[in-house]
N, C-alpha and C. Protein backbone atom coordinates (compact mmCIF):
# COMPACT_ATOMS: atom_id res chain seq x y z
N GLN A 1 -23.05 -22.78 -27.63
CA GLN A 1 -21.82 -22.88 -26.86
C GLN A 1 -20.86 -21.79 -27.30
N VAL A 2 -20.31 -21.08 -26.32
CA VAL A 2 -19.41 -19.97 -26.62
C VAL A 2 -18.00 -20.49 -26.81
N GLN A 3 -17.36 -20.03 -27.87
CA GLN A 3 -15.95 -20.35 -28.11
C GLN A 3 -15.17 -19.07 -28.31
N LEU A 4 -13.96 -19.05 -27.77
CA LEU A 4 -13.07 -17.91 -27.91
C LEU A 4 -11.84 -18.34 -28.71
N VAL A 5 -11.50 -17.55 -29.70
CA VAL A 5 -10.33 -17.85 -30.53
C VAL A 5 -9.40 -16.65 -30.49
N GLU A 6 -8.17 -16.91 -30.04
CA GLU A 6 -7.17 -15.85 -29.90
C GLU A 6 -6.18 -15.91 -31.07
N SER A 7 -5.57 -14.76 -31.33
CA SER A 7 -4.53 -14.70 -32.34
C SER A 7 -3.59 -13.54 -32.02
N GLY A 8 -2.39 -13.59 -32.60
CA GLY A 8 -1.49 -12.46 -32.49
C GLY A 8 -0.28 -12.65 -31.61
N GLY A 9 -0.14 -13.77 -30.95
CA GLY A 9 1.04 -13.97 -30.11
C GLY A 9 2.29 -14.17 -30.93
N GLY A 10 3.44 -14.17 -30.24
CA GLY A 10 4.70 -14.39 -30.93
C GLY A 10 5.87 -13.84 -30.15
N LEU A 11 6.96 -13.65 -30.88
CA LEU A 11 8.21 -13.16 -30.29
C LEU A 11 8.39 -11.69 -30.63
N VAL A 12 8.75 -10.90 -29.63
CA VAL A 12 8.99 -9.48 -29.83
C VAL A 12 10.18 -9.06 -28.99
N GLN A 13 10.91 -8.07 -29.46
CA GLN A 13 12.06 -7.58 -28.71
C GLN A 13 11.62 -6.61 -27.63
N PRO A 14 12.41 -6.48 -26.58
CA PRO A 14 12.09 -5.48 -25.54
C PRO A 14 11.91 -4.10 -26.16
N GLY A 15 10.89 -3.40 -25.71
CA GLY A 15 10.56 -2.09 -26.26
C GLY A 15 9.63 -2.16 -27.46
N GLY A 16 9.40 -3.34 -27.98
CA GLY A 16 8.55 -3.51 -29.16
C GLY A 16 7.07 -3.58 -28.82
N SER A 17 6.28 -3.82 -29.86
CA SER A 17 4.82 -3.85 -29.72
C SER A 17 4.25 -5.13 -30.32
N LEU A 18 3.10 -5.50 -29.79
CA LEU A 18 2.39 -6.67 -30.28
C LEU A 18 0.90 -6.44 -30.04
N ARG A 19 0.08 -7.02 -30.90
CA ARG A 19 -1.38 -6.87 -30.76
C ARG A 19 -2.02 -8.23 -30.73
N LEU A 20 -2.81 -8.46 -29.69
CA LEU A 20 -3.57 -9.70 -29.56
C LEU A 20 -5.03 -9.44 -29.89
N SER A 21 -5.66 -10.44 -30.49
CA SER A 21 -7.07 -10.35 -30.81
C SER A 21 -7.80 -11.59 -30.32
N CYS A 22 -9.07 -11.42 -29.99
CA CYS A 22 -9.89 -12.54 -29.52
C CYS A 22 -11.31 -12.33 -30.06
N GLU A 23 -11.85 -13.39 -30.61
CA GLU A 23 -13.22 -13.32 -31.13
C GLU A 23 -14.06 -14.39 -30.45
N ALA A 24 -15.23 -13.97 -29.95
CA ALA A 24 -16.16 -14.91 -29.32
C ALA A 24 -17.24 -15.28 -30.31
N SER A 25 -17.51 -16.56 -30.42
CA SER A 25 -18.59 -17.04 -31.28
C SER A 25 -19.60 -17.77 -30.41
N GLY A 26 -20.83 -17.84 -30.91
CA GLY A 26 -21.90 -18.47 -30.15
C GLY A 26 -22.81 -17.43 -29.53
N SER A 27 -23.73 -17.89 -28.71
CA SER A 27 -24.71 -17.01 -28.09
C SER A 27 -24.14 -16.43 -26.80
N VAL A 28 -23.95 -15.11 -26.80
CA VAL A 28 -23.35 -14.43 -25.66
C VAL A 28 -24.34 -13.42 -25.09
N PHE A 29 -24.55 -13.47 -23.76
CA PHE A 29 -25.42 -12.49 -23.14
C PHE A 29 -24.80 -11.11 -23.27
N SER A 30 -25.65 -10.12 -23.51
CA SER A 30 -25.15 -8.79 -23.86
C SER A 30 -24.39 -8.10 -22.73
N ARG A 31 -24.74 -8.41 -21.48
CA ARG A 31 -24.03 -7.81 -20.36
C ARG A 31 -22.88 -8.72 -19.96
N ASN A 32 -21.66 -8.30 -20.27
CA ASN A 32 -20.52 -9.18 -20.02
C ASN A 32 -19.24 -8.37 -19.89
N VAL A 33 -18.19 -9.05 -19.60
CA VAL A 33 -16.87 -8.45 -19.58
C VAL A 33 -15.93 -9.38 -20.35
N MET A 34 -15.12 -8.81 -21.22
CA MET A 34 -14.09 -9.55 -21.94
C MET A 34 -12.74 -9.08 -21.42
N SER A 35 -11.88 -10.03 -21.12
CA SER A 35 -10.62 -9.71 -20.44
C SER A 35 -9.47 -10.49 -21.06
N TRP A 36 -8.28 -9.99 -20.77
CA TRP A 36 -7.06 -10.72 -21.05
C TRP A 36 -6.38 -11.02 -19.72
N TYR A 37 -6.01 -12.28 -19.55
CA TYR A 37 -5.21 -12.73 -18.42
C TYR A 37 -3.89 -13.26 -18.96
N ARG A 38 -2.92 -13.40 -18.10
CA ARG A 38 -1.67 -14.03 -18.51
C ARG A 38 -1.12 -14.88 -17.39
N GLN A 39 -0.35 -15.88 -17.79
CA GLN A 39 0.28 -16.76 -16.81
C GLN A 39 1.70 -17.07 -17.26
N ALA A 40 2.65 -16.66 -16.44
CA ALA A 40 4.05 -16.95 -16.69
C ALA A 40 4.43 -18.25 -15.98
N PRO A 41 5.48 -18.92 -16.42
CA PRO A 41 5.89 -20.18 -15.78
C PRO A 41 6.13 -19.99 -14.29
N GLY A 42 5.52 -20.86 -13.48
CA GLY A 42 5.72 -20.82 -12.05
C GLY A 42 4.94 -19.73 -11.32
N ARG A 43 4.07 -19.03 -12.05
CA ARG A 43 3.32 -17.94 -11.44
C ARG A 43 1.83 -18.16 -11.63
N GLU A 44 1.04 -17.48 -10.81
CA GLU A 44 -0.40 -17.59 -10.92
C GLU A 44 -0.90 -16.75 -12.10
N ARG A 45 -2.06 -17.14 -12.60
CA ARG A 45 -2.69 -16.37 -13.66
C ARG A 45 -3.10 -15.01 -13.10
N GLU A 46 -2.85 -13.95 -13.87
CA GLU A 46 -3.17 -12.60 -13.40
C GLU A 46 -3.95 -11.84 -14.47
N LEU A 47 -4.75 -10.90 -13.99
CA LEU A 47 -5.52 -10.05 -14.90
C LEU A 47 -4.59 -9.04 -15.55
N VAL A 48 -4.69 -8.93 -16.87
CA VAL A 48 -3.94 -7.91 -17.61
C VAL A 48 -4.83 -6.70 -17.86
N ALA A 49 -6.00 -6.94 -18.43
CA ALA A 49 -6.92 -5.85 -18.74
C ALA A 49 -8.32 -6.41 -18.96
N ALA A 50 -9.32 -5.58 -18.67
CA ALA A 50 -10.71 -6.00 -18.82
C ALA A 50 -11.50 -4.87 -19.47
N ALA A 51 -12.44 -5.25 -20.32
CA ALA A 51 -13.32 -4.28 -20.98
C ALA A 51 -14.76 -4.73 -20.82
N PHE A 52 -15.57 -3.89 -20.16
CA PHE A 52 -16.94 -4.22 -19.85
C PHE A 52 -17.88 -3.78 -20.97
N SER A 53 -19.01 -4.48 -21.06
CA SER A 53 -19.98 -4.14 -22.10
C SER A 53 -20.56 -2.75 -21.90
N HIS A 54 -20.51 -2.21 -20.67
CA HIS A 54 -21.02 -0.86 -20.43
C HIS A 54 -19.98 0.21 -20.74
N GLY A 55 -18.76 -0.22 -21.14
CA GLY A 55 -17.74 0.73 -21.56
C GLY A 55 -16.57 0.89 -20.60
N GLY A 56 -16.70 0.42 -19.38
CA GLY A 56 -15.62 0.55 -18.42
C GLY A 56 -14.44 -0.35 -18.74
N LYS A 57 -13.26 0.06 -18.27
CA LYS A 57 -12.05 -0.71 -18.50
C LYS A 57 -11.20 -0.75 -17.23
N ASN A 58 -10.51 -1.85 -17.02
CA ASN A 58 -9.57 -1.99 -15.91
C ASN A 58 -8.25 -2.52 -16.44
N TYR A 59 -7.17 -2.15 -15.76
CA TYR A 59 -5.84 -2.63 -16.14
C TYR A 59 -5.08 -3.10 -14.91
N GLY A 60 -4.25 -4.13 -15.10
CA GLY A 60 -3.33 -4.52 -14.05
C GLY A 60 -2.28 -3.44 -13.86
N ASP A 61 -1.78 -3.30 -12.65
CA ASP A 61 -0.83 -2.23 -12.36
C ASP A 61 0.43 -2.31 -13.23
N SER A 62 0.86 -3.52 -13.54
CA SER A 62 2.12 -3.68 -14.26
C SER A 62 2.04 -3.28 -15.73
N VAL A 63 0.84 -3.09 -16.25
CA VAL A 63 0.71 -2.78 -17.68
C VAL A 63 0.10 -1.41 -17.93
N LYS A 64 -0.30 -0.71 -16.88
CA LYS A 64 -0.91 0.61 -17.06
C LYS A 64 0.04 1.54 -17.80
N GLY A 65 -0.51 2.23 -18.78
CA GLY A 65 0.29 3.16 -19.57
C GLY A 65 1.01 2.52 -20.74
N ARG A 66 1.03 1.19 -20.79
CA ARG A 66 1.71 0.50 -21.88
C ARG A 66 0.75 -0.33 -22.74
N PHE A 67 -0.25 -0.92 -22.11
CA PHE A 67 -1.20 -1.77 -22.82
C PHE A 67 -2.54 -1.05 -22.93
N THR A 68 -3.25 -1.30 -24.03
CA THR A 68 -4.57 -0.73 -24.24
C THR A 68 -5.52 -1.83 -24.70
N ILE A 69 -6.65 -1.94 -24.00
CA ILE A 69 -7.67 -2.91 -24.39
C ILE A 69 -8.79 -2.19 -25.13
N SER A 70 -9.30 -2.84 -26.16
CA SER A 70 -10.42 -2.28 -26.90
C SER A 70 -11.33 -3.42 -27.34
N ARG A 71 -12.60 -3.11 -27.53
CA ARG A 71 -13.50 -4.15 -27.95
C ARG A 71 -14.59 -3.62 -28.87
N ASN A 72 -15.09 -4.51 -29.70
CA ASN A 72 -16.23 -4.23 -30.55
C ASN A 72 -17.38 -5.07 -29.98
N ILE A 73 -18.26 -4.39 -29.27
CA ILE A 73 -19.31 -5.10 -28.55
C ILE A 73 -20.27 -5.79 -29.51
N ALA A 74 -20.50 -5.17 -30.66
CA ALA A 74 -21.47 -5.72 -31.61
C ALA A 74 -21.09 -7.10 -32.11
N VAL A 75 -19.78 -7.35 -32.22
CA VAL A 75 -19.32 -8.64 -32.75
C VAL A 75 -18.52 -9.42 -31.73
N ASN A 76 -18.51 -8.96 -30.48
CA ASN A 76 -17.84 -9.68 -29.39
C ASN A 76 -16.38 -10.00 -29.70
N THR A 77 -15.65 -8.97 -30.05
CA THR A 77 -14.20 -9.11 -30.20
C THR A 77 -13.50 -8.19 -29.22
N VAL A 78 -12.33 -8.58 -28.82
CA VAL A 78 -11.52 -7.76 -27.93
C VAL A 78 -10.07 -7.83 -28.38
N ASN A 79 -9.41 -6.68 -28.34
CA ASN A 79 -8.02 -6.59 -28.74
C ASN A 79 -7.17 -6.07 -27.58
N LEU A 80 -5.92 -6.43 -27.60
CA LEU A 80 -4.98 -5.93 -26.60
C LEU A 80 -3.75 -5.41 -27.34
N GLN A 81 -3.57 -4.11 -27.33
CA GLN A 81 -2.40 -3.48 -27.92
C GLN A 81 -1.33 -3.35 -26.85
N MET A 82 -0.20 -3.99 -27.08
CA MET A 82 0.87 -4.01 -26.08
C MET A 82 2.07 -3.24 -26.63
N ASN A 83 2.43 -2.17 -25.95
CA ASN A 83 3.56 -1.33 -26.35
C ASN A 83 4.63 -1.33 -25.27
N ASP A 84 5.85 -0.92 -25.66
CA ASP A 84 6.96 -0.84 -24.72
C ASP A 84 7.06 -2.13 -23.90
N MET A 85 7.11 -3.21 -24.59
CA MET A 85 7.06 -4.50 -23.91
C MET A 85 8.36 -4.82 -23.21
N LYS A 86 8.23 -5.58 -22.12
CA LYS A 86 9.36 -5.93 -21.28
C LYS A 86 9.48 -7.45 -21.16
N PRO A 87 10.66 -7.94 -20.84
CA PRO A 87 10.82 -9.40 -20.69
C PRO A 87 9.83 -10.00 -19.70
N GLU A 88 9.47 -9.23 -18.68
CA GLU A 88 8.52 -9.74 -17.69
C GLU A 88 7.09 -9.85 -18.22
N ASP A 89 6.85 -9.38 -19.43
CA ASP A 89 5.55 -9.56 -20.07
C ASP A 89 5.43 -10.95 -20.71
N THR A 90 6.53 -11.68 -20.74
CA THR A 90 6.52 -13.01 -21.32
C THR A 90 5.57 -13.92 -20.54
N ALA A 91 4.62 -14.51 -21.27
CA ALA A 91 3.61 -15.36 -20.63
C ALA A 91 2.70 -15.94 -21.70
N VAL A 92 1.86 -16.86 -21.28
CA VAL A 92 0.74 -17.29 -22.12
C VAL A 92 -0.43 -16.36 -21.79
N TYR A 93 -0.97 -15.75 -22.82
CA TYR A 93 -2.08 -14.82 -22.65
C TYR A 93 -3.39 -15.51 -23.02
N TYR A 94 -4.37 -15.34 -22.13
CA TYR A 94 -5.66 -15.99 -22.30
C TYR A 94 -6.77 -14.95 -22.42
N CYS A 95 -7.66 -15.18 -23.35
CA CYS A 95 -8.87 -14.37 -23.48
C CYS A 95 -9.97 -14.99 -22.61
N ASN A 96 -10.73 -14.14 -21.95
CA ASN A 96 -11.82 -14.59 -21.08
C ASN A 96 -13.08 -13.78 -21.34
N LEU A 97 -14.19 -14.45 -21.33
CA LEU A 97 -15.49 -13.78 -21.41
C LEU A 97 -16.36 -14.27 -20.27
N ARG A 98 -16.83 -13.33 -19.47
CA ARG A 98 -17.70 -13.68 -18.35
C ARG A 98 -19.04 -12.98 -18.53
N GLU A 99 -20.11 -13.77 -18.46
CA GLU A 99 -21.44 -13.23 -18.65
C GLU A 99 -22.07 -12.91 -17.30
N PHE A 100 -22.72 -11.77 -17.18
CA PHE A 100 -23.27 -11.33 -15.90
C PHE A 100 -24.61 -11.99 -15.59
N VAL A 101 -25.23 -12.62 -16.55
CA VAL A 101 -26.44 -13.40 -16.33
C VAL A 101 -26.17 -14.82 -16.79
N GLY A 102 -26.46 -15.77 -15.93
CA GLY A 102 -26.22 -17.16 -16.28
C GLY A 102 -24.89 -17.70 -15.82
N GLY A 103 -23.98 -16.81 -15.46
CA GLY A 103 -22.70 -17.24 -14.91
C GLY A 103 -21.72 -17.84 -15.89
N GLY A 104 -21.93 -17.65 -17.19
CA GLY A 104 -21.01 -18.21 -18.17
C GLY A 104 -19.61 -17.64 -18.00
N ASP A 105 -18.58 -18.51 -17.98
CA ASP A 105 -17.19 -18.10 -17.79
C ASP A 105 -16.38 -18.89 -18.81
N HIS A 106 -15.96 -18.22 -19.88
CA HIS A 106 -15.37 -18.90 -21.03
C HIS A 106 -13.93 -18.48 -21.23
N TRP A 107 -13.09 -19.44 -21.64
CA TRP A 107 -11.66 -19.18 -21.83
C TRP A 107 -11.21 -19.61 -23.22
N GLY A 108 -10.28 -18.86 -23.76
CA GLY A 108 -9.62 -19.25 -24.98
C GLY A 108 -8.51 -20.25 -24.67
N GLN A 109 -7.86 -20.71 -25.73
CA GLN A 109 -6.84 -21.74 -25.57
C GLN A 109 -5.49 -21.17 -25.16
N GLY A 110 -5.33 -19.87 -25.26
CA GLY A 110 -4.08 -19.23 -24.87
C GLY A 110 -3.16 -19.01 -26.05
N THR A 111 -2.41 -17.92 -26.00
CA THR A 111 -1.42 -17.63 -27.04
C THR A 111 -0.13 -17.17 -26.35
N LEU A 112 0.99 -17.71 -26.81
CA LEU A 112 2.27 -17.43 -26.15
C LEU A 112 2.86 -16.12 -26.66
N VAL A 113 3.25 -15.29 -25.72
CA VAL A 113 3.96 -14.04 -26.02
C VAL A 113 5.33 -14.11 -25.35
N THR A 114 6.37 -13.93 -26.15
CA THR A 114 7.73 -13.97 -25.64
C THR A 114 8.43 -12.66 -25.95
N VAL A 115 8.96 -12.01 -24.91
CA VAL A 115 9.68 -10.76 -25.09
C VAL A 115 11.16 -11.05 -24.79
N SER A 116 11.95 -11.00 -25.83
CA SER A 116 13.37 -11.36 -25.69
C SER A 116 14.17 -10.78 -26.83
N SER A 117 15.42 -10.45 -26.52
CA SER A 117 16.31 -9.96 -27.57
C SER A 117 17.11 -11.12 -28.17
């Protein structure tokens, strides 16, 4: 059974930086994508960034140029470096792992990020 454990959330001032980490444990199919999603109060969950096992990466329009996703495929970890943060980045951030064979779709418990002065 795959489990995702996130860390690194907290309070940061506007313009500051924060780094989120997620580690997947258990048996994971090698072809997969690890992503970060976020959900603000009263809003739908949205994709922040995704990193594919083949090396490709995608970013949501609102974070391009500010956030960077990276992953260590060998140990199934993914990080999200968030720079120049804005109050609208405030949300619960969720780690997701989707396997391309078998249809496994796994979520972490979420970590709260608050951007406020």
